Amino acid sequence: MGRLNGAAVKQINGIIDRYKDEETPLMLILSDIQKEYGYIPLEVQELVSEKTGIPVAEIYGVVSFYSYFSLTPKGKYVIGVCLGTACYVKGSQNVIDKFSELLNIKPGETSEDGLFTLDALRCIGACGIAPAVSINGKVYSKVSVNQVQGIIDSYRQEANN
């Protein structure tokens, strides 16, 4: 997002105005901003604060507490590896380690090319298909370490088309 341009300010103000009659609008506002831009940098938090009267410290506390919100841009493809008990027992730690090795990023980071963000997830409710990996909402079942390179390659190919 970089520096906020006029169009972004207008759109964010529109999101804020949408919830002006709500008693506790912060989560709704932040959720819509996250959906729209993929992250909520400090300058956006300051704009929300200015418009709502909610202190920046409180907004930052919410953004940094909930894993749904991000302070930095996410990649085009967000890879979530479930580390819940069932997935972990079936080898999801090895799967996330392989993604990390091949993409040269740690969980919570985005690849240099901006294509991939790697996230460690708690239980995603897919225990019967463990270990499960989610990429932009598409769930992969019973993922093995040997499949990781192919998954990455397919998304790189998609991005180049």
C-alpha atoms as a PDB file:
ATOM      1  CA  MET A   1       0.000   0.000   0.000  1.00  0.00           C
ATOM      2  CA  GLY A   2       2.929   2.325   0.711  1.00  0.00           C
ATOM      3  CA  ARG A   3       1.904   5.907   1.281  1.00  0.00           C
ATOM      4  CA  LEU A   4      -1.839   6.340   1.289  1.00  0.00           C
ATOM      5  CA  ASN A   5      -3.119   7.953  -1.882  1.00  0.00           C
ATOM      6  CA  GLY A   6      -6.354   9.887  -2.144  1.00  0.00           C
ATOM      7  CA  ALA A   7      -8.322   6.931  -3.495  1.00  0.00           C
ATOM      8  CA  ALA A   8      -7.181   4.681  -0.636  1.00  0.00           C
ATOM      9  CA  VAL A   9      -8.054   7.319   1.971  1.00  0.00           C
ATOM     10  CA  LYS A  10     -11.483   7.737   0.387  1.00  0.00           C
ATOM     11  CA  GLN A  11     -12.078   3.974   0.338  1.00  0.00           C
ATOM     12  CA  ILE A  12     -10.933   3.529   3.949  1.00  0.00           C
ATOM     13  CA  ASN A  13     -13.103   6.443   5.050  1.00  0.00           C
ATOM     14  CA  GLY A  14     -16.019   4.740   3.270  1.00  0.00           C
ATOM     15  CA  ILE A  15     -15.364   1.545   5.208  1.00  0.00           C
ATOM     16  CA  ILE A  16     -15.246   3.476   8.479  1.00  0.00           C
ATOM     17  CA  ASP A  17     -18.449   5.376   7.631  1.00  0.00           C
ATOM     18  CA  ARG A  18     -20.224   2.077   6.889  1.00  0.00           C
ATOM     19  CA  TYR A  19     -19.985   1.218  10.610  1.00  0.00           C
ATOM     20  CA  LYS A  20     -20.568   4.660  12.159  1.00  0.00           C
ATOM     21  CA  ASP A  21     -23.783   3.502  13.871  1.00  0.00           C
ATOM     22  CA  GLU A  22     -22.217   0.385  15.395  1.00  0.00           C
ATOM     23  CA  GLU A  23     -21.577   0.467  19.131  1.00  0.00           C
ATOM     24  CA  THR A  24     -18.214  -1.323  18.763  1.00  0.00           C
ATOM     25  CA  PRO A  25     -17.126  -0.927  15.118  1.00  0.00           C
ATOM     26  CA  LEU A  26     -13.384  -1.584  15.337  1.00  0.00           C
ATOM     27  CA  MET A  27     -13.310  -5.289  14.433  1.00  0.00           C
ATOM     28  CA  LEU A  28     -15.736  -4.739  11.544  1.00  0.00           C
ATOM     29  CA  ILE A  29     -13.685  -1.838  10.183  1.00  0.00           C
ATOM     30  CA  LEU A  30     -10.371  -3.660  10.506  1.00  0.00           C
ATOM     31  CA  SER A  31     -11.795  -6.824   8.981  1.00  0.00           C
ATOM     32  CA  ASP A  32     -13.025  -4.957   5.895  1.00  0.00           C
ATOM     33  CA  ILE A  33      -9.706  -3.135   5.519  1.00  0.00           C
ATOM     34  CA  GLN A  34      -7.795  -6.422   5.846  1.00  0.00           C
ATOM     35  CA  LYS A  35     -10.039  -8.024   3.180  1.00  0.00           C
ATOM     36  CA  GLU A  36      -9.561  -5.082   0.835  1.00  0.00           C
ATOM     37  CA  TYR A  37      -5.814  -4.498   1.180  1.00  0.00           C
ATOM     38  CA  GLY A  38      -4.424  -7.678   2.735  1.00  0.00           C
ATOM     39  CA  TYR A  39      -2.801  -5.854   5.641  1.00  0.00           C
ATOM     40  CA  ILE A  40      -3.223  -2.906   8.005  1.00  0.00           C
ATOM     41  CA  PRO A  41      -0.102  -0.705   8.243  1.00  0.00           C
ATOM     42  CA  LEU A  42       0.398   1.956  10.907  1.00  0.00           C
ATOM     43  CA  GLU A  43      -0.686   4.830   8.638  1.00  0.00           C
ATOM     44  CA  VAL A  44      -4.058   3.119   8.121  1.00  0.00           C
ATOM     45  CA  GLN A  45      -4.391   2.546  11.862  1.00  0.00           C
ATOM     46  CA  GLU A  46      -3.729   6.267  12.368  1.00  0.00           C
ATOM     47  CA  LEU A  47      -6.458   7.146   9.860  1.00  0.00           C
ATOM     48  CA  VAL A  48      -8.920   4.816  11.614  1.00  0.00           C
ATOM     49  CA  SER A  49      -7.977   6.385  14.944  1.00  0.00           C
ATOM     50  CA  GLU A  50      -8.436   9.909  13.634  1.00  0.00           C
ATOM     51  CA  LYS A  51     -11.845   9.105  12.164  1.00  0.00           C
ATOM     52  CA  THR A  52     -13.218   6.976  15.039  1.00  0.00           C
ATOM     53  CA  GLY A  53     -11.538   8.510  18.083  1.00  0.00           C
ATOM     54  CA  ILE A  54     -10.194   5.084  19.089  1.00  0.00           C
ATOM     55  CA  PRO A  55      -6.576   5.419  20.273  1.00  0.00           C
ATOM     56  CA  VAL A  56      -3.900   4.078  17.895  1.00  0.00           C
ATOM     57  CA  ALA A  57      -2.510   1.964  20.756  1.00  0.00           C
ATOM     58  CA  GLU A  58      -5.846   0.169  21.083  1.00  0.00           C
ATOM     59  CA  ILE A  59      -6.107  -0.378  17.323  1.00  0.00           C
ATOM     60  CA  TYR A  60      -2.522  -1.662  17.171  1.00  0.00           C
ATOM     61  CA  GLY A  61      -3.271  -3.982  20.080  1.00  0.00           C
ATOM     62  CA  VAL A  62      -6.162  -5.540  18.170  1.00  0.00           C
ATOM     63  CA  VAL A  63      -4.233  -5.790  14.878  1.00  0.00           C
ATOM     64  CA  SER A  64      -1.210  -7.386  16.530  1.00  0.00           C
ATOM     65  CA  PHE A  65      -3.239  -9.737  18.761  1.00  0.00           C
ATOM     66  CA  TYR A  66      -5.462 -11.425  16.175  1.00  0.00           C
ATOM     67  CA  SER A  67      -3.633 -13.618  13.666  1.00  0.00           C
ATOM     68  CA  TYR A  68      -6.189 -12.788  10.958  1.00  0.00           C
ATOM     69  CA  PHE A  69      -4.808  -9.249  10.768  1.00  0.00           C
ATOM     70  CA  SER A  70      -1.414  -8.464   9.315  1.00  0.00           C
ATOM     71  CA  LEU A  71       0.862  -5.448   9.678  1.00  0.00           C
ATOM     72  CA  THR A  72       2.760  -6.305   6.498  1.00  0.00           C
ATOM     73  CA  PRO A  73       1.651  -7.229   2.980  1.00  0.00           C
ATOM     74  CA  LYS A  74       0.944 -10.891   2.316  1.00  0.00           C
ATOM     75  CA  GLY A  75       2.001 -12.772  -0.790  1.00  0.00           C
ATOM     76  CA  LYS A  76      -0.265 -13.519  -3.710  1.00  0.00           C
ATOM     77  CA  TYR A  77      -0.544 -17.068  -2.368  1.00  0.00           C
ATOM     78  CA  VAL A  78      -0.941 -17.538   1.381  1.00  0.00           C
ATOM     79  CA  ILE A  79       0.150 -21.026   2.383  1.00  0.00           C
ATOM     80  CA  GLY A  80      -1.313 -22.121   5.705  1.00  0.00           C
ATOM     81  CA  VAL A  81       0.026 -25.333   7.170  1.00  0.00           C
ATOM     82  CA  CYS A  82      -2.096 -26.771   9.966  1.00  0.00           C
ATOM     83  CA  LEU A  83      -0.087 -27.596  13.070  1.00  0.00           C
ATOM     84  CA  GLY A  84      -3.065 -28.788  15.109  1.00  0.00           C
ATOM     85  CA  THR A  85      -2.631 -32.064  16.978  1.00  0.00           C
ATOM     86  CA  ALA A  86      -3.893 -34.443  14.270  1.00  0.00           C
ATOM     87  CA  CYS A  87      -1.900 -32.740  11.519  1.00  0.00           C
ATOM     88  CA  TYR A  88       1.190 -32.440  13.688  1.00  0.00           C
ATOM     89  CA  VAL A  89       1.106 -36.150  14.572  1.00  0.00           C
ATOM     90  CA  LYS A  90       0.824 -36.962  10.843  1.00  0.00           C
ATOM     91  CA  GLY A  91       3.918 -34.879   9.957  1.00  0.00           C
ATOM     92  CA  SER A  92       2.786 -31.315   9.307  1.00  0.00           C
ATOM     93  CA  GLN A  93       5.905 -29.924  11.016  1.00  0.00           C
ATOM     94  CA  ASN A  94       8.008 -31.609   8.331  1.00  0.00           C
ATOM     95  CA  VAL A  95       5.700 -30.176   5.654  1.00  0.00           C
ATOM     96  CA  ILE A  96       5.976 -26.601   6.922  1.00  0.00           C
ATOM     97  CA  ASP A  97       9.739 -27.042   7.308  1.00  0.00           C
ATOM     98  CA  LYS A  98       9.940 -28.107   3.630  1.00  0.00           C
ATOM     99  CA  PHE A  99       7.892 -25.099   2.475  1.00  0.00           C
ATOM    100  CA  SER A 100      10.145 -22.907   4.596  1.00  0.00           C
ATOM    101  CA  GLU A 101      13.311 -24.435   3.131  1.00  0.00           C
ATOM    102  CA  LEU A 102      12.178 -24.248  -0.504  1.00  0.00           C
ATOM    103  CA  LEU A 103      10.757 -20.727  -0.257  1.00  0.00           C
ATOM    104  CA  ASN A 104      13.604 -19.508   1.968  1.00  0.00           C
ATOM    105  CA  ILE A 105      11.173 -17.947   4.452  1.00  0.00           C
ATOM    106  CA  LYS A 106      10.014 -18.679   7.985  1.00  0.00           C
ATOM    107  CA  PRO A 107       6.371 -18.917   9.020  1.00  0.00           C
ATOM    108  CA  GLY A 108       4.898 -15.418   9.089  1.00  0.00           C
ATOM    109  CA  GLU A 109       7.186 -14.201   6.295  1.00  0.00           C
ATOM    110  CA  THR A 110       6.643 -13.467   2.609  1.00  0.00           C
ATOM    111  CA  SER A 111       8.966 -14.592  -0.169  1.00  0.00           C
ATOM    112  CA  GLU A 112      11.181 -11.980  -1.834  1.00  0.00           C
ATOM    113  CA  ASP A 113       9.213 -12.218  -5.083  1.00  0.00           C
ATOM    114  CA  GLY A 114       5.986 -11.444  -3.184  1.00  0.00           C
ATOM    115  CA  LEU A 115       4.340 -14.656  -4.371  1.00  0.00           C
ATOM    116  CA  PHE A 116       4.169 -16.664  -1.147  1.00  0.00           C
ATOM    117  CA  THR A 117       3.413 -16.050   2.507  1.00  0.00           C
ATOM    118  CA  LEU A 118       3.881 -19.000   4.847  1.00  0.00           C
ATOM    119  CA  ASP A 119       1.630 -19.253   7.901  1.00  0.00           C
ATOM    120  CA  ALA A 120       1.544 -21.814  10.696  1.00  0.00           C
ATOM    121  CA  LEU A 121      -2.105 -22.442  11.543  1.00  0.00           C
ATOM    122  CA  ARG A 122      -3.723 -23.963  14.562  1.00  0.00           C
ATOM    123  CA  CYS A 123      -6.419 -26.570  13.933  1.00  0.00           C
ATOM    124  CA  ILE A 124      -8.357 -25.829  10.743  1.00  0.00           C
ATOM    125  CA  GLY A 125     -10.902 -28.578  11.387  1.00  0.00           C
ATOM    126  CA  ALA A 126      -9.589 -30.915   8.705  1.00  0.00           C
ATOM    127  CA  CYS A 127      -8.328 -33.622  11.053  1.00  0.00           C
ATOM    128  CA  GLY A 128      -9.617 -36.470   8.868  1.00  0.00           C
ATOM    129  CA  ILE A 129      -7.363 -35.390   6.005  1.00  0.00           C
ATOM    130  CA  ALA A 130      -4.258 -34.600   8.044  1.00  0.00           C
ATOM    131  CA  PRO A 131      -1.799 -33.158   7.387  1.00  0.00           C
ATOM    132  CA  ALA A 132      -3.752 -30.354   5.751  1.00  0.00           C
ATOM    133  CA  VAL A 133      -2.455 -27.326   3.878  1.00  0.00           C
ATOM    134  CA  SER A 134      -4.596 -24.391   2.797  1.00  0.00           C
ATOM    135  CA  ILE A 135      -3.572 -22.049  -0.034  1.00  0.00           C
ATOM    136  CA  ASN A 136      -5.878 -19.083  -0.590  1.00  0.00           C
ATOM    137  CA  GLY A 137      -8.771 -21.148   0.712  1.00  0.00           C
ATOM    138  CA  LYS A 138      -8.052 -24.303  -1.314  1.00  0.00           C
ATOM    139  CA  VAL A 139      -7.357 -27.214   1.030  1.00  0.00           C
ATOM    140  CA  TYR A 140      -4.829 -29.908   0.196  1.00  0.00           C
ATOM    141  CA  SER A 141      -5.255 -33.193   2.039  1.00  0.00           C
ATOM    142  CA  LYS A 142      -2.705 -35.663   3.353  1.00  0.00           C
ATOM    143  CA  VAL A 143       0.185 -33.524   2.157  1.00  0.00           C
ATOM    144  CA  SER A 144       3.588 -35.181   2.265  1.00  0.00           C
ATOM    145  CA  VAL A 145       7.013 -33.565   2.161  1.00  0.00           C
ATOM    146  CA  ASN A 146       7.469 -35.035  -1.338  1.00  0.00           C
ATOM    147  CA  GLN A 147       4.477 -33.040  -2.649  1.00  0.00           C
ATOM    148  CA  VAL A 148       5.656 -29.619  -1.479  1.00  0.00           C
ATOM    149  CA  GLN A 149       7.911 -28.806  -4.465  1.00  0.00           C
ATOM    150  CA  GLY A 150       5.126 -29.701  -6.900  1.00  0.00           C
ATOM    151  CA  ILE A 151       2.628 -27.523  -5.063  1.00  0.00           C
ATOM    152  CA  ILE A 152       5.014 -24.558  -5.143  1.00  0.00           C
ATOM    153  CA  ASP A 153       5.802 -25.150  -8.823  1.00  0.00           C
ATOM    154  CA  SER A 154       2.108 -25.226  -9.782  1.00  0.00           C
ATOM    155  CA  TYR A 155       1.512 -21.837  -8.149  1.00  0.00           C
ATOM    156  CA  ARG A 156       4.646 -20.338  -9.709  1.00  0.00           C
ATOM    157  CA  GLN A 157       3.415 -21.551 -13.093  1.00  0.00           C
ATOM    158  CA  GLU A 158      -0.052 -20.099 -12.448  1.00  0.00           C
ATOM    159  CA  ALA A 159       1.503 -16.752 -11.524  1.00  0.00           C
ATOM    160  CA  ASN A 160       3.494 -16.689 -14.779  1.00  0.00           C
ATOM    161  CA  ASN A 161       0.422 -17.277 -16.954  1.00  0.00           C
END
